[in-house]
């Protein structure tokens, strides 16, 4: 009986660890910079 309880607890612990490990890493790359059009580029140079 004690072995069945230990086996059940070990199985639940393994499932909990597997559930935590399955989360994907967040995407931390910044979005691409906006490209300026020709008019804005000329205005910024003045």
N, C-alpha and C. Protein backbone atom coordinates (compact mmCIF):
# COMPACT_ATOMS: atom_id res chain seq x y z
N UNK A 1 0.82 -1.19 0.00
CA UNK A 1 0.00 0.00 0.00
C UNK A 1 0.87 1.27 0.00
N UNK A 2 1.95 1.21 0.79
CA UNK A 2 2.85 2.37 0.86
C UNK A 2 3.55 2.55 -0.48
N UNK A 3 3.89 1.43 -1.14
CA UNK A 3 4.55 1.52 -2.44
C UNK A 3 3.64 2.16 -3.48
N UNK A 4 2.36 1.86 -3.43
CA UNK A 4 1.41 2.45 -4.38
C UNK A 4 1.28 3.95 -4.14
N UNK A 5 1.28 4.36 -2.89
CA UNK A 5 1.20 5.78 -2.57
C UNK A 5 2.46 6.51 -3.04
N UNK A 6 3.60 5.91 -2.82
CA UNK A 6 4.86 6.51 -3.27
C UNK A 6 4.91 6.60 -4.79
N UNK A 7 4.45 5.57 -5.45
CA UNK A 7 4.43 5.56 -6.91
C UNK A 7 3.48 6.64 -7.43
N UNK A 8 2.33 6.79 -6.78
CA UNK A 8 1.38 7.83 -7.19
C UNK A 8 1.96 9.22 -6.99
N UNK A 9 2.59 9.45 -5.84
CA UNK A 9 3.21 10.75 -5.58
C UNK A 9 4.35 11.03 -6.56
N UNK A 10 5.13 10.03 -6.87
CA UNK A 10 6.22 10.21 -7.83
C UNK A 10 5.67 10.53 -9.21
N UNK A 11 4.58 9.89 -9.59
CA UNK A 11 3.96 10.17 -10.88
C UNK A 11 3.39 11.57 -10.95
N UNK A 12 2.75 12.02 -9.87
CA UNK A 12 2.21 13.38 -9.84
C UNK A 12 3.33 14.41 -9.88
N UNK A 13 4.41 14.15 -9.19
CA UNK A 13 5.56 15.06 -9.22
C UNK A 13 6.16 15.12 -10.62
N UNK A 14 6.26 13.98 -11.29
CA UNK A 14 6.79 13.97 -12.66
C UNK A 14 5.87 14.73 -13.61
N UNK A 15 4.56 14.59 -13.45
CA UNK A 15 3.62 15.34 -14.30
C UNK A 15 3.71 16.84 -14.03
N UNK A 16 3.88 17.22 -12.79
CA UNK A 16 4.00 18.64 -12.45
C UNK A 16 5.26 19.24 -13.06
N UNK A 17 6.35 18.51 -12.98
CA UNK A 17 7.61 18.99 -13.57
C UNK A 17 7.52 19.06 -15.09
N UNK A 18 6.88 18.10 -15.69
CA UNK A 18 6.73 18.11 -17.14
C UNK A 18 5.84 19.26 -17.59
N UNK A 19 4.83 19.59 -16.82
CA UNK A 19 3.95 20.71 -17.16
C UNK A 19 4.67 22.04 -17.08
N UNK A 20 5.54 22.20 -16.12
CA UNK A 20 6.30 23.45 -15.98
C UNK A 20 7.36 23.58 -17.07
N UNK A 21 7.92 22.50 -17.51
CA UNK A 21 9.00 22.54 -18.50
C UNK A 21 8.46 22.79 -19.91
N UNK A 22 7.17 22.62 -20.12
CA UNK A 22 6.62 22.72 -21.47
C UNK A 22 6.31 24.15 -21.89
N UNK A 23 6.45 25.14 -21.00
CA UNK A 23 6.13 26.52 -21.37
C UNK A 23 7.22 27.08 -22.28
N UNK A 24 6.86 27.66 -23.42
CA UNK A 24 7.86 28.20 -24.34
C UNK A 24 8.45 29.50 -23.80
N UNK A 25 9.65 29.79 -24.23
CA UNK A 25 10.31 31.03 -23.83
C UNK A 25 9.67 32.20 -24.55
N UNK A 26 9.53 33.35 -23.88
CA UNK A 26 8.94 34.52 -24.54
C UNK A 26 9.88 35.09 -25.59
N UNK A 27 9.30 35.68 -26.63
CA UNK A 27 10.08 36.28 -27.70
C UNK A 27 10.49 37.69 -27.28
N UNK A 28 11.79 37.89 -27.04
CA UNK A 28 12.29 39.17 -26.53
C UNK A 28 12.93 40.03 -27.62
N UNK A 29 12.83 39.61 -28.86
CA UNK A 29 13.43 40.41 -29.93
C UNK A 29 12.57 41.65 -30.17
N UNK A 30 13.20 42.81 -30.33
CA UNK A 30 12.41 44.03 -30.56
C UNK A 30 11.81 44.03 -31.96
N UNK A 31 10.70 44.72 -32.13
CA UNK A 31 10.11 44.78 -33.47
C UNK A 31 11.01 45.59 -34.41
N UNK A 32 10.94 45.34 -35.70
CA UNK A 32 11.79 46.08 -36.64
C UNK A 32 11.45 47.57 -36.62
N UNK A 33 12.47 48.38 -36.83
CA UNK A 33 12.28 49.83 -36.82
C UNK A 33 11.47 50.25 -38.04
N UNK A 34 10.64 51.30 -37.87
CA UNK A 34 9.85 51.80 -38.99
C UNK A 34 10.77 52.49 -39.99
N UNK A 35 10.55 52.23 -41.23
CA UNK A 35 11.32 52.89 -42.28
C UNK A 35 10.71 54.25 -42.55
N UNK A 36 11.56 55.23 -42.72
CA UNK A 36 11.10 56.58 -43.02
C UNK A 36 10.94 56.75 -44.52
N UNK A 37 9.91 57.50 -44.90
CA UNK A 37 9.73 57.76 -46.33
C UNK A 37 10.68 58.87 -46.78
N UNK A 38 10.73 59.13 -48.06
CA UNK A 38 11.70 60.08 -48.61
C UNK A 38 11.47 61.50 -48.07
N UNK A 39 10.23 61.91 -47.93
CA UNK A 39 9.94 63.27 -47.46
C UNK A 39 10.44 63.46 -46.03
N UNK A 40 10.17 62.51 -45.17
CA UNK A 40 10.62 62.61 -43.79
C UNK A 40 12.14 62.59 -43.71
N UNK A 41 12.79 61.79 -44.52
CA UNK A 41 14.24 61.74 -44.53
C UNK A 41 14.82 63.07 -44.92
N UNK A 42 14.28 63.70 -45.95
CA UNK A 42 14.77 65.02 -46.38
C UNK A 42 14.51 66.07 -45.30
N UNK A 43 13.37 66.02 -44.63
CA UNK A 43 13.08 66.98 -43.59
C UNK A 43 14.00 66.83 -42.39
N UNK A 44 14.41 65.62 -42.08
CA UNK A 44 15.29 65.40 -40.94
C UNK A 44 16.71 65.86 -41.23
N UNK A 45 17.10 65.93 -42.46
CA UNK A 45 18.46 66.36 -42.81
C UNK A 45 18.61 67.85 -42.74
N UNK A 46 17.53 68.59 -42.79
CA UNK A 46 17.62 70.05 -42.78
C UNK A 46 17.81 70.59 -41.39
